[in-house]
PDB file of N, CA and C in Angstrom:
ATOM      1  N   MET A   1       9.587  28.714  18.594  1.00  0.00           N
ATOM      2  CA  MET A   1       9.943  27.542  17.818  1.00  0.00           C
ATOM      3  C   MET A   1      11.126  27.902  16.933  1.00  0.00           C
ATOM      4  N   SER A   2      12.143  27.092  16.955  1.00  0.00           N
ATOM      5  CA  SER A   2      13.323  27.403  16.152  1.00  0.00           C
ATOM      6  C   SER A   2      13.044  27.130  14.682  1.00  0.00           C
ATOM      7  N   GLU A   3      13.866  27.664  13.856  1.00  0.00           N
ATOM      8  CA  GLU A   3      13.705  27.515  12.406  1.00  0.00           C
ATOM      9  C   GLU A   3      13.762  26.056  11.975  1.00  0.00           C
ATOM     10  N   ASP A   4      14.578  25.223  12.656  1.00  0.00           N
ATOM     11  CA  ASP A   4      14.722  23.819  12.275  1.00  0.00           C
ATOM     12  C   ASP A   4      13.529  22.965  12.674  1.00  0.00           C
ATOM     13  N   THR A   5      12.725  23.405  13.642  1.00  0.00           N
ATOM     14  CA  THR A   5      11.600  22.590  14.086  1.00  0.00           C
ATOM     15  C   THR A   5      10.265  23.082  13.545  1.00  0.00           C
ATOM     16  N   LYS A   6      10.245  24.244  12.911  1.00  0.00           N
ATOM     17  CA  LYS A   6       9.009  24.762  12.335  1.00  0.00           C
ATOM     18  C   LYS A   6       8.646  23.928  11.110  1.00  0.00           C
ATOM     19  N   VAL A   7       7.396  23.460  11.091  1.00  0.00           N
ATOM     20  CA  VAL A   7       6.947  22.619   9.981  1.00  0.00           C
ATOM     21  C   VAL A   7       5.841  23.349   9.229  1.00  0.00           C
ATOM     22  N   ARG A   8       6.119  23.653   7.973  1.00  0.00           N
ATOM     23  CA  ARG A   8       5.127  24.302   7.112  1.00  0.00           C
ATOM     24  C   ARG A   8       4.381  23.216   6.344  1.00  0.00           C
ATOM     25  N   PRO A   9       3.066  23.098   6.550  1.00  0.00           N
ATOM     26  CA  PRO A   9       2.291  22.040   5.892  1.00  0.00           C
ATOM     27  C   PRO A   9       2.408  22.045   4.373  1.00  0.00           C
ATOM     28  N   ASP A  10       2.481  23.220   3.753  1.00  0.00           N
ATOM     29  CA  ASP A  10       2.583  23.277   2.289  1.00  0.00           C
ATOM     30  C   ASP A  10       3.914  22.695   1.807  1.00  0.00           C
ATOM     31  N   VAL A  11       4.969  22.881   2.586  1.00  0.00           N
ATOM     32  CA  VAL A  11       6.274  22.323   2.226  1.00  0.00           C
ATOM     33  C   VAL A  11       6.246  20.803   2.380  1.00  0.00           C
ATOM     34  N   VAL A  12       5.650  20.338   3.476  1.00  0.00           N
ATOM     35  CA  VAL A  12       5.528  18.892   3.699  1.00  0.00           C
ATOM     36  C   VAL A  12       4.729  18.268   2.553  1.00  0.00           C
ATOM     37  N   ASP A  13       3.616  18.887   2.181  1.00  0.00           N
ATOM     38  CA  ASP A  13       2.790  18.364   1.087  1.00  0.00           C
ATOM     39  C   ASP A  13       3.559  18.324  -0.235  1.00  0.00           C
ATOM     40  N   ALA A  14       4.364  19.346  -0.484  1.00  0.00           N
ATOM     41  CA  ALA A  14       5.156  19.397  -1.716  1.00  0.00           C
ATOM     42  C   ALA A  14       6.202  18.276  -1.736  1.00  0.00           C
ATOM     43  N   ILE A  15       6.831  18.019  -0.611  1.00  0.00           N
ATOM     44  CA  ILE A  15       7.835  16.946  -0.534  1.00  0.00           C
ATOM     45  C   ILE A  15       7.153  15.590  -0.745  1.00  0.00           C
ATOM     46  N   VAL A  16       6.003  15.382  -0.102  1.00  0.00           N
ATOM     47  CA  VAL A  16       5.261  14.121  -0.266  1.00  0.00           C
ATOM     48  C   VAL A  16       4.884  13.932  -1.736  1.00  0.00           C
ATOM     49  N   ALA A  17       4.457  14.997  -2.390  1.00  0.00           N
ATOM     50  CA  ALA A  17       4.087  14.903  -3.811  1.00  0.00           C
ATOM     51  C   ALA A  17       5.267  14.436  -4.658  1.00  0.00           C
ATOM     52  N   VAL A  18       6.451  14.909  -4.363  1.00  0.00           N
ATOM     53  CA  VAL A  18       7.647  14.490  -5.097  1.00  0.00           C
ATOM     54  C   VAL A  18       7.971  13.027  -4.774  1.00  0.00           C
ATOM     55  N   LEU A  19       7.819  12.633  -3.516  1.00  0.00           N
ATOM     56  CA  LEU A  19       8.062  11.238  -3.143  1.00  0.00           C
ATOM     57  C   LEU A  19       7.107  10.283  -3.875  1.00  0.00           C
ATOM     58  N   LYS A  20       5.929  10.792  -4.213  1.00  0.00           N
ATOM     59  CA  LYS A  20       4.946   9.981  -4.946  1.00  0.00           C
ATOM     60  C   LYS A  20       5.175  10.029  -6.454  1.00  0.00           C
ATOM     61  N   GLY A  21       6.234  10.681  -6.884  1.00  0.00           N
ATOM     62  CA  GLY A  21       6.554  10.703  -8.302  1.00  0.00           C
ATOM     63  C   GLY A  21       6.373  12.040  -8.970  1.00  0.00           C
ATOM     64  N   GLY A  22       6.110  13.064  -8.201  1.00  0.00           N
ATOM     65  CA  GLY A  22       5.935  14.400  -8.770  1.00  0.00           C
ATOM     66  C   GLY A  22       7.245  14.996  -9.260  1.00  0.00           C
ATOM     67  N   ASP A  23       7.151  16.144  -9.870  1.00  0.00           N
ATOM     68  CA  ASP A  23       8.294  16.841 -10.445  1.00  0.00           C
ATOM     69  C   ASP A  23       9.173  17.434  -9.340  1.00  0.00           C
ATOM     70  N   PRO A  24      10.435  17.013  -9.265  1.00  0.00           N
ATOM     71  CA  PRO A  24      11.333  17.559  -8.236  1.00  0.00           C
ATOM     72  C   PRO A  24      11.513  19.073  -8.338  1.00  0.00           C
ATOM     73  N   ALA A  25      11.245  19.639  -9.490  1.00  0.00           N
ATOM     74  CA  ALA A  25      11.352  21.087  -9.644  1.00  0.00           C
ATOM     75  C   ALA A  25      10.309  21.811  -8.792  1.00  0.00           C
ATOM     76  N   GLU A  26       9.280  21.086  -8.346  1.00  0.00           N
ATOM     77  CA  GLU A  26       8.224  21.675  -7.525  1.00  0.00           C
ATOM     78  C   GLU A  26       8.604  21.773  -6.045  1.00  0.00           C
ATOM     79  N   LEU A  27       9.775  21.224  -5.678  1.00  0.00           N
ATOM     80  CA  LEU A  27      10.205  21.290  -4.283  1.00  0.00           C
ATOM     81  C   LEU A  27      10.494  22.734  -3.889  1.00  0.00           C
ATOM     82  N   PRO A  28       9.952  23.156  -2.762  1.00  0.00           N
ATOM     83  CA  PRO A  28      10.262  24.509  -2.299  1.00  0.00           C
ATOM     84  C   PRO A  28      11.695  24.559  -1.777  1.00  0.00           C
ATOM     85  N   ALA A  29      12.315  25.680  -1.927  1.00  0.00           N
ATOM     86  CA  ALA A  29      13.692  25.847  -1.444  1.00  0.00           C
ATOM     87  C   ALA A  29      13.687  25.946   0.071  1.00  0.00           C
ATOM     88  N   GLY A  30      14.737  25.437   0.679  1.00  0.00           N
ATOM     89  CA  GLY A  30      14.936  25.618   2.102  1.00  0.00           C
ATOM     90  C   GLY A  30      14.064  24.777   3.013  1.00  0.00           C
ATOM     91  N   ALA A  31      13.731  23.574   2.611  1.00  0.00           N
ATOM     92  CA  ALA A  31      12.968  22.697   3.498  1.00  0.00           C
ATOM     93  C   ALA A  31      13.834  22.353   4.708  1.00  0.00           C
ATOM     94  N   THR A  32      13.240  22.427   5.880  1.00  0.00           N
ATOM     95  CA  THR A  32      13.980  22.148   7.116  1.00  0.00           C
ATOM     96  C   THR A  32      14.061  20.637   7.337  1.00  0.00           C
ATOM     97  N   PRO A  33      14.992  20.207   8.173  1.00  0.00           N
ATOM     98  CA  PRO A  33      15.046  18.774   8.520  1.00  0.00           C
ATOM     99  C   PRO A  33      13.731  18.277   9.130  1.00  0.00           C
ATOM    100  N   SER A  34      13.060  19.108   9.908  1.00  0.00           N
ATOM    101  CA  SER A  34      11.775  18.721  10.499  1.00  0.00           C
ATOM    102  C   SER A  34      10.707  18.527   9.432  1.00  0.00           C
ATOM    103  N   GLU A  35      10.725  19.377   8.416  1.00  0.00           N
ATOM    104  CA  GLU A  35       9.760  19.247   7.315  1.00  0.00           C
ATOM    105  C   GLU A  35      10.037  17.993   6.497  1.00  0.00           C
ATOM    106  N   LYS A  36      11.309  17.703   6.277  1.00  0.00           N
ATOM    107  CA  LYS A  36      11.677  16.493   5.539  1.00  0.00           C
ATOM    108  C   LYS A  36      11.262  15.249   6.323  1.00  0.00           C
ATOM    109  N   ALA A  37      11.468  15.269   7.619  1.00  0.00           N
ATOM    110  CA  ALA A  37      11.088  14.127   8.465  1.00  0.00           C
ATOM    111  C   ALA A  37       9.570  13.961   8.495  1.00  0.00           C
ATOM    112  N   ALA A  38       8.846  15.078   8.590  1.00  0.00           N
ATOM    113  CA  ALA A  38       7.381  15.015   8.604  1.00  0.00           C
ATOM    114  C   ALA A  38       6.851  14.477   7.272  1.00  0.00           C
ATOM    115  N   ALA A  39       7.469  14.879   6.172  1.00  0.00           N
ATOM    116  CA  ALA A  39       7.056  14.391   4.853  1.00  0.00           C
ATOM    117  C   ALA A  39       7.316  12.897   4.728  1.00  0.00           C
ATOM    118  N   LYS A  40       8.475  12.469   5.208  1.00  0.00           N
ATOM    119  CA  LYS A  40       8.814  11.043   5.159  1.00  0.00           C
ATOM    120  C   LYS A  40       7.813  10.241   5.980  1.00  0.00           C
ATOM    121  N   ASP A  41       7.496  10.707   7.184  1.00  0.00           N
ATOM    122  CA  ASP A  41       6.524  10.028   8.037  1.00  0.00           C
ATOM    123  C   ASP A  41       5.153   9.962   7.372  1.00  0.00           C
ATOM    124  N   SER A  42       4.730  11.063   6.782  1.00  0.00           N
ATOM    125  CA  SER A  42       3.434  11.114   6.114  1.00  0.00           C
ATOM    126  C   SER A  42       3.379  10.144   4.941  1.00  0.00           C
ATOM    127  N   TYR A  43       4.432  10.158   4.141  1.00  0.00           N
ATOM    128  CA  TYR A  43       4.496   9.276   2.969  1.00  0.00           C
ATOM    129  C   TYR A  43       4.468   7.810   3.392  1.00  0.00           C
ATOM    130  N   LEU A  44       5.288   7.447   4.372  1.00  0.00           N
ATOM    131  CA  LEU A  44       5.349   6.050   4.814  1.00  0.00           C
ATOM    132  C   LEU A  44       4.041   5.601   5.458  1.00  0.00           C
ATOM    133  N   SER A  45       3.403   6.480   6.217  1.00  0.00           N
ATOM    134  CA  SER A  45       2.120   6.146   6.835  1.00  0.00           C
ATOM    135  C   SER A  45       1.061   5.880   5.770  1.00  0.00           C
ATOM    136  N   GLU A  46       1.039   6.735   4.768  1.00  0.00           N
ATOM    137  CA  GLU A  46       0.073   6.563   3.676  1.00  0.00           C
ATOM    138  C   GLU A  46       0.371   5.287   2.884  1.00  0.00           C
ATOM    139  N   PHE A  47       1.649   5.023   2.655  1.00  0.00           N
ATOM    140  CA  PHE A  47       2.054   3.824   1.924  1.00  0.00           C
ATOM    141  C   PHE A  47       1.615   2.568   2.672  1.00  0.00           C
ATOM    142  N   LEU A  48       1.838   2.544   3.990  1.00  0.00           N
ATOM    143  CA  LEU A  48       1.447   1.385   4.790  1.00  0.00           C
ATOM    144  C   LEU A  48      -0.063   1.217   4.835  1.00  0.00           C
ATOM    145  N   ALA A  49      -0.786   2.325   4.902  1.00  0.00           N
ATOM    146  CA  ALA A  49      -2.249   2.249   4.908  1.00  0.00           C
ATOM    147  C   ALA A  49      -2.750   1.678   3.582  1.00  0.00           C
ATOM    148  N   GLU A  50      -2.173   2.122   2.479  1.00  0.00           N
ATOM    149  CA  GLU A  50      -2.564   1.601   1.168  1.00  0.00           C
ATOM    150  C   GLU A  50      -2.218   0.123   1.043  1.00  0.00           C
ATOM    151  N   ARG A  51      -1.072  -0.255   1.572  1.00  0.00           N
ATOM    152  CA  ARG A  51      -0.668  -1.659   1.525  1.00  0.00           C
ATOM    153  C   ARG A  51      -1.650  -2.510   2.323  1.00  0.00           C
ATOM    154  N   GLY A  52      -2.040  -2.030   3.492  1.00  0.00           N
ATOM    155  CA  GLY A  52      -3.016  -2.741   4.310  1.00  0.00           C
ATOM    156  C   GLY A  52      -4.349  -2.880   3.605  1.00  0.00           C
ATOM    157  N   LYS A  53      -4.755  -1.813   2.916  1.00  0.00           N
ATOM    158  CA  LYS A  53      -6.011  -1.856   2.161  1.00  0.00           C
ATOM    159  C   LYS A  53      -5.911  -2.869   1.022  1.00  0.00           C
ATOM    160  N   ARG A  54      -4.783  -2.871   0.329  1.00  0.00           N
ATOM    161  CA  ARG A  54      -4.601  -3.838  -0.767  1.00  0.00           C
ATOM    162  C   ARG A  54      -4.602  -5.265  -0.243  1.00  0.00           C
ATOM    163  N   ASP A  55      -3.991  -5.489   0.922  1.00  0.00           N
ATOM    164  CA  ASP A  55      -3.990  -6.819   1.528  1.00  0.00           C
ATOM    165  C   ASP A  55      -5.411  -7.255   1.858  1.00  0.00           C
ATOM    166  N   ARG A  56      -6.217  -6.342   2.393  1.00  0.00           N
ATOM    167  CA  ARG A  56      -7.617  -6.650   2.715  1.00  0.00           C
ATOM    168  C   ARG A  56      -8.411  -6.918   1.443  1.00  0.00           C
ATOM    169  N   GLN A  57      -8.161  -6.139   0.399  1.00  0.00           N
ATOM    170  CA  GLN A  57      -8.858  -6.364  -0.871  1.00  0.00           C
ATOM    171  C   GLN A  57      -8.481  -7.719  -1.459  1.00  0.00           C
ATOM    172  N   SER A  58      -7.215  -8.072  -1.406  1.00  0.00           N
ATOM    173  CA  SER A  58      -6.776  -9.372  -1.918  1.00  0.00           C
ATOM    174  C   SER A  58      -7.442 -10.510  -1.151  1.00  0.00           C
ATOM    175  N   HIS A  59      -7.510 -10.367   0.160  1.00  0.00           N
ATOM    176  CA  HIS A  59      -8.141 -11.406   0.972  1.00  0.00           C
ATOM    177  C   HIS A  59      -9.639 -11.521   0.637  1.00  0.00           C
ATOM    178  N   ALA A  60     -10.298 -10.384   0.439  1.00  0.00           N
ATOM    179  CA  ALA A  60     -11.719 -10.404   0.074  1.00  0.00           C
ATOM    180  C   ALA A  60     -11.921 -11.139  -1.251  1.00  0.00           C
ATOM    181  N   TRP A  61     -11.064 -10.865  -2.232  1.00  0.00           N
ATOM    182  CA  TRP A  61     -11.178 -11.554  -3.530  1.00  0.00           C
ATOM    183  C   TRP A  61     -10.942 -13.051  -3.374  1.00  0.00           C
ATOM    184  N   GLU A  62      -9.996 -13.432  -2.526  1.00  0.00           N
ATOM    185  CA  GLU A  62      -9.752 -14.859  -2.290  1.00  0.00           C
ATOM    186  C   GLU A  62     -11.000 -15.538  -1.735  1.00  0.00           C
ATOM    187  N   LEU A  63     -11.708 -14.852  -0.856  1.00  0.00           N
ATOM    188  CA  LEU A  63     -12.933 -15.414  -0.286  1.00  0.00           C
ATOM    189  C   LEU A  63     -14.061 -15.462  -1.310  1.00  0.00           C
ATOM    190  N   LEU A  64     -14.129 -14.435  -2.159  1.00  0.00           N
ATOM    191  CA  LEU A  64     -15.218 -14.355  -3.132  1.00  0.00           C
ATOM    192  C   LEU A  64     -15.068 -15.343  -4.288  1.00  0.00           C
ATOM    193  N   LEU A  65     -13.863 -15.506  -4.766  1.00  0.00           N
ATOM    194  CA  LEU A  65     -13.657 -16.337  -5.951  1.00  0.00           C
ATOM    195  C   LEU A  65     -13.162 -17.718  -5.538  1.00  0.00           C
ATOM    196  N   THR A  66     -14.105 -18.549  -5.168  1.00  0.00           N
ATOM    197  CA  THR A  66     -13.773 -19.882  -4.677  1.00  0.00           C
ATOM    198  C   THR A  66     -13.692 -20.917  -5.790  1.00  0.00           C
ATOM    199  N   ARG A  67     -14.139 -20.552  -6.974  1.00  0.00           N
ATOM    200  CA  ARG A  67     -14.073 -21.494  -8.099  1.00  0.00           C
ATOM    201  C   ARG A  67     -13.974 -20.700  -9.386  1.00  0.00           C
ATOM    202  N   SER A  68     -13.672 -21.398 -10.472  1.00  0.00           N
ATOM    203  CA  SER A  68     -13.602 -20.722 -11.766  1.00  0.00           C
ATOM    204  C   SER A  68     -14.977 -20.808 -12.440  1.00  0.00           C
ATOM    205  N   TYR A  69     -15.210 -19.901 -13.336  1.00  0.00           N
ATOM    206  CA  TYR A  69     -16.482 -19.814 -14.054  1.00  0.00           C
ATOM    207  C   TYR A  69     -16.195 -19.811 -15.551  1.00  0.00           C
ATOM    208  N   ASP A  70     -17.096 -20.423 -16.319  1.00  0.00           N
ATOM    209  CA  ASP A  70     -16.950 -20.415 -17.775  1.00  0.00           C
ATOM    210  C   ASP A  70     -17.285 -19.043 -18.341  1.00  0.00           C
ATOM    211  N   GLU A  71     -18.266 -18.403 -17.759  1.00  0.00           N
ATOM    212  CA  GLU A  71     -18.690 -17.055 -18.160  1.00  0.00           C
ATOM    213  C   GLU A  71     -18.505 -16.131 -16.955  1.00  0.00           C
ATOM    214  N   PRO A  72     -18.347 -14.849 -17.195  1.00  0.00           N
ATOM    215  CA  PRO A  72     -18.238 -13.933 -16.045  1.00  0.00           C
ATOM    216  C   PRO A  72     -19.477 -14.065 -15.157  1.00  0.00           C
ATOM    217  N   PRO A  73     -19.280 -14.336 -13.869  1.00  0.00           N
ATOM    218  CA  PRO A  73     -20.430 -14.525 -12.978  1.00  0.00           C
ATOM    219  C   PRO A  73     -21.014 -13.199 -12.505  1.00  0.00           C
ATOM    220  N   THR A  74     -22.267 -13.265 -12.071  1.00  0.00           N
ATOM    221  CA  THR A  74     -22.879 -12.103 -11.418  1.00  0.00           C
ATOM    222  C   THR A  74     -22.498 -12.161  -9.947  1.00  0.00           C
ATOM    223  N   TRP A  75     -22.692 -11.061  -9.253  1.00  0.00           N
ATOM    224  CA  TRP A  75     -22.419 -11.060  -7.814  1.00  0.00           C
ATOM    225  C   TRP A  75     -23.342 -12.053  -7.120  1.00  0.00           C
ATOM    226  N   GLN A  76     -24.568 -12.159  -7.610  1.00  0.00           N
ATOM    227  CA  GLN A  76     -25.507 -13.112  -7.017  1.00  0.00           C
ATOM    228  C   GLN A  76     -24.967 -14.539  -7.141  1.00  0.00           C
ATOM    229  N   GLN A  77     -24.437 -14.904  -8.313  1.00  0.00           N
ATOM    230  CA  GLN A  77     -23.864 -16.241  -8.493  1.00  0.00           C
ATOM    231  C   GLN A  77     -22.677 -16.463  -7.558  1.00  0.00           C
ATOM    232  N   ILE A  78     -21.825 -15.478  -7.464  1.00  0.00           N
ATOM    233  CA  ILE A  78     -20.647 -15.605  -6.597  1.00  0.00           C
ATOM    234  C   ILE A  78     -21.089 -15.845  -5.158  1.00  0.00           C
ATOM    235  N   PHE A  79     -22.045 -15.046  -4.678  1.00  0.00           N
ATOM    236  CA  PHE A  79     -22.506 -15.198  -3.300  1.00  0.00           C
ATOM    237  C   PHE A  79     -23.251 -16.520  -3.101  1.00  0.00           C
ATOM    238  N   ASP A  80     -23.957 -16.983  -4.126  1.00  0.00           N
ATOM    239  CA  ASP A  80     -24.633 -18.284  -4.033  1.00  0.00           C
ATOM    240  C   ASP A  80     -23.629 -19.411  -3.825  1.00  0.00           C
ATOM    241  N   ASP A  81     -22.442 -19.280  -4.382  1.00  0.00           N
ATOM    242  CA  ASP A  81     -21.421 -20.330  -4.313  1.00  0.00           C
ATOM    243  C   ASP A  81     -20.583 -20.306  -3.034  1.00  0.00           C
ATOM    244  N   LEU A  82     -20.755 -19.297  -2.215  1.00  0.00           N
ATOM    245  CA  LEU A  82     -19.927 -19.164  -1.012  1.00  0.00           C
ATOM    246  C   LEU A  82     -20.382 -20.107   0.096  1.00  0.00           C
ATOM    247  N   ASP A  83     -19.417 -20.599   0.853  1.00  0.00           N
ATOM    248  CA  ASP A  83     -19.726 -21.356   2.064  1.00  0.00           C
ATOM    249  C   ASP A  83     -20.322 -20.394   3.084  1.00  0.00           C
ATOM    250  N   PRO A  84     -21.289 -20.844   3.856  1.00  0.00           N
ATOM    251  CA  PRO A  84     -21.907 -19.957   4.847  1.00  0.00           C
ATOM    252  C   PRO A  84     -20.912 -19.359   5.846  1.00  0.00           C
ATOM    253  N   GLU A  85     -19.831 -20.071   6.154  1.00  0.00           N
ATOM    254  CA  GLU A  85     -18.848 -19.552   7.109  1.00  0.00           C
ATOM    255  C   GLU A  85     -18.153 -18.286   6.605  1.00  0.00           C
ATOM    256  N   VAL A  86     -18.163 -18.101   5.315  1.00  0.00           N
ATOM    257  CA  VAL A  86     -17.455 -16.955   4.713  1.00  0.00           C
ATOM    258  C   VAL A  86     -18.216 -15.652   4.926  1.00  0.00           C
ATOM    259  N   HIS A  87     -19.521 -15.716   5.103  1.00  0.00           N
ATOM    260  CA  HIS A  87     -20.331 -14.502   5.183  1.00  0.00           C
ATOM    261  C   HIS A  87     -19.883 -13.573   6.305  1.00  0.00           C
ATOM    262  N   THR A  88     -19.611 -14.131   7.468  1.00  0.00           N
ATOM    263  CA  THR A  88     -19.178 -13.307   8.594  1.00  0.00           C
ATOM    264  C   THR A  88     -17.842 -12.640   8.301  1.00  0.00           C
ATOM    265  N   GLU A  89     -16.930 -13.400   7.731  1.00  0.00           N
ATOM    266  CA  GLU A  89     -15.614 -12.833   7.418  1.00  0.00           C
ATOM    267  C   GLU A  89     -15.720 -11.742   6.360  1.00  0.00           C
ATOM    268  N   LEU A  90     -16.601 -11.940   5.377  1.00  0.00           N
ATOM    269  CA  LEU A  90     -16.802 -10.890   4.378  1.00  0.00           C
ATOM    270  C   LEU A  90     -17.349  -9.619   5.023  1.00  0.00           C
ATOM    271  N   GLY A  91     -18.156  -9.782   6.058  1.00  0.00           N
ATOM    272  CA  GLY A  91     -18.663  -8.611   6.770  1.00  0.00           C
ATOM    273  C   GLY A  91     -17.550  -7.808   7.404  1.00  0.00           C
ATOM    274  N   THR A  92     -16.510  -8.486   7.877  1.00  0.00           N
ATOM    275  CA  THR A  92     -15.377  -7.764   8.479  1.00  0.00           C
ATOM    276  C   THR A  92     -14.513  -7.096   7.412  1.00  0.00           C
ATOM    277  N   LEU A  93     -14.652  -7.551   6.172  1.00  0.00           N
ATOM    278  CA  LEU A  93     -13.889  -6.978   5.058  1.00  0.00           C
ATOM    279  C   LEU A  93     -14.764  -6.085   4.176  1.00  0.00           C
ATOM    280  N   TYR A  94     -15.936  -5.739   4.664  1.00  0.00           N
ATOM    281  CA  TYR A  94     -16.927  -5.021   3.856  1.00  0.00           C
ATOM    282  C   TYR A  94     -16.342  -3.805   3.141  1.00  0.00           C
ATOM    283  N   ASP A  95     -15.563  -3.006   3.846  1.00  0.00           N
ATOM    284  CA  ASP A  95     -14.997  -1.789   3.251  1.00  0.00           C
ATOM    285  C   ASP A  95     -14.012  -2.090   2.126  1.00  0.00           C
ATOM    286  N   ALA A  96     -13.471  -3.304   2.089  1.00  0.00           N
ATOM    287  CA  ALA A  96     -12.505  -3.672   1.048  1.00  0.00           C
ATOM    288  C   ALA A  96     -13.168  -4.387  -0.132  1.00  0.00           C
ATOM    289  N   LEU A  97     -14.469  -4.669  -0.022  1.00  0.00           N
ATOM    290  CA  LEU A  97     -15.170  -5.355  -1.110  1.00  0.00           C
ATOM    291  C   LEU A  97     -15.420  -4.405  -2.271  1.00  0.00           C
ATOM    292  N   PRO A  98     -15.448  -4.921  -3.499  1.00  0.00           N
ATOM    293  CA  PRO A  98     -15.851  -4.091  -4.636  1.00  0.00           C
ATOM    294  C   PRO A  98     -17.301  -3.627  -4.448  1.00  0.00           C
ATOM    295  N   ALA A  99     -17.671  -2.555  -5.103  1.00  0.00           N
ATOM    296  CA  ALA A  99     -19.006  -1.966  -4.919  1.00  0.00           C
ATOM    297  C   ALA A  99     -20.123  -2.978  -5.176  1.00  0.00           C
ATOM    298  N   GLY A 100     -20.017  -3.768  -6.223  1.00  0.00           N
ATOM    299  CA  GLY A 100     -21.052  -4.758  -6.522  1.00  0.00           C
ATOM    300  C   GLY A 100     -21.188  -5.806  -5.438  1.00  0.00           C
ATOM    301  N   ALA A 101     -20.075  -6.215  -4.871  1.00  0.00           N
ATOM    302  CA  ALA A 101     -20.097  -7.193  -3.782  1.00  0.00           C
ATOM    303  C   ALA A 101     -20.697  -6.563  -2.523  1.00  0.00           C
ATOM    304  N   GLN A 102     -20.407  -5.294  -2.287  1.00  0.00           N
ATOM    305  CA  GLN A 102     -21.005  -4.610  -1.142  1.00  0.00           C
ATOM    306  C   GLN A 102     -22.525  -4.574  -1.286  1.00  0.00           C
ATOM    307  N   GLU A 103     -23.002  -4.243  -2.480  1.00  0.00           N
ATOM    308  CA  GLU A 103     -24.444  -4.181  -2.719  1.00  0.00           C
ATOM    309  C   GLU A 103     -25.089  -5.542  -2.489  1.00  0.00           C
ATOM    310  N   GLU A 104     -24.464  -6.595  -3.009  1.00  0.00           N
ATOM    311  CA  GLU A 104     -25.014  -7.946  -2.831  1.00  0.00           C
ATOM    312  C   GLU A 104     -24.957  -8.355  -1.364  1.00  0.00           C
ATOM    313  N   TYR A 105     -23.904  -8.007  -0.668  1.00  0.00           N
ATOM    314  CA  TYR A 105     -23.795  -8.323   0.750  1.00  0.00           C
ATOM    315  C   TYR A 105     -24.936  -7.667   1.528  1.00  0.00           C
ATOM    316  N   VAL A 106     -25.157  -6.383   1.278  1.00  0.00           N
ATOM    317  CA  VAL A 106     -26.221  -5.649   1.974  1.00  0.00           C
ATOM    318  C   VAL A 106     -27.584  -6.238   1.624  1.00  0.00           C
ATOM    319  N   ARG A 107     -27.789  -6.582   0.371  1.00  0.00           N
ATOM    320  CA  ARG A 107     -29.067  -7.163  -0.054  1.00  0.00           C
ATOM    321  C   ARG A 107     -29.348  -8.451   0.704  1.00  0.00           C
ATOM    322  N   ARG A 108     -28.331  -9.254   0.906  1.00  0.00           N
ATOM    323  CA  ARG A 108     -28.503 -10.562   1.558  1.00  0.00           C
ATOM    324  C   ARG A 108     -28.489 -10.498   3.078  1.00  0.00           C
ATOM    325  N   TYR A 109     -27.575  -9.727   3.635  1.00  0.00           N
ATOM    326  CA  TYR A 109     -27.318  -9.809   5.074  1.00  0.00           C
ATOM    327  C   TYR A 109     -27.509  -8.482   5.809  1.00  0.00           C
ATOM    328  N   GLY A 110     -27.755  -7.416   5.086  1.00  0.00           N
ATOM    329  CA  GLY A 110     -27.830  -6.097   5.711  1.00  0.00           C
ATOM    330  C   GLY A 110     -26.440  -5.501   5.845  1.00  0.00           C
ATOM    331  N   GLU A 111     -26.398  -4.236   6.156  1.00  0.00           N
ATOM    332  CA  GLU A 111     -25.111  -3.555   6.282  1.00  0.00           C
ATOM    333  C   GLU A 111     -24.436  -3.988   7.581  1.00  0.00           C
ATOM    334  N   PRO A 112     -23.144  -4.362   7.507  1.00  0.00           N
ATOM    335  CA  PRO A 112     -22.444  -4.778   8.728  1.00  0.00           C
ATOM    336  C   PRO A 112     -22.429  -3.659   9.751  1.00  0.00           C
ATOM    337  N   SER A 113     -22.547  -4.006  11.012  1.00  0.00           N
ATOM    338  CA  SER A 113     -22.622  -2.992  12.079  1.00  0.00           C
ATOM    339  C   SER A 113     -21.313  -2.247  12.268  1.00  0.00           C
ATOM    340  N   ALA A 114     -20.190  -2.839  11.876  1.00  0.00           N
ATOM    341  CA  ALA A 114     -18.884  -2.186  12.048  1.00  0.00           C
ATOM    342  C   ALA A 114     -18.618  -1.121  11.005  1.00  0.00           C
ATOM    343  N   VAL A 115     -19.487  -0.966  10.013  1.00  0.00           N
ATOM    344  CA  VAL A 115     -19.253  -0.012   8.925  1.00  0.00           C
ATOM    345  C   VAL A 115     -19.645   1.369   9.343  1.00  0.00           C
TER     346      VAL A 115
END
């Protein structure tokens, strides 16, 4: 393997850490173009995965909060107010639900099989 194609995982991790806002002084000297490319790919993949998770979480909240409440509602109240058609869709978003909503979902419908 040539020097330009050798990828050191610790160097890739250090570059990713800087891309996430870490101290540039922590960059190791002599990162190869392959290491820089691998770090960029890793960072972008993680960024897209987080974005997808946030999109799923936003959609779950849209399904859960169908009306406004005068007082903070319990998960039981929120689930009581849901249209029955929403239950199946919430099951597909189970991993993106807040912990309390997951507990209420399991209490009512059992754990989704896709989890």
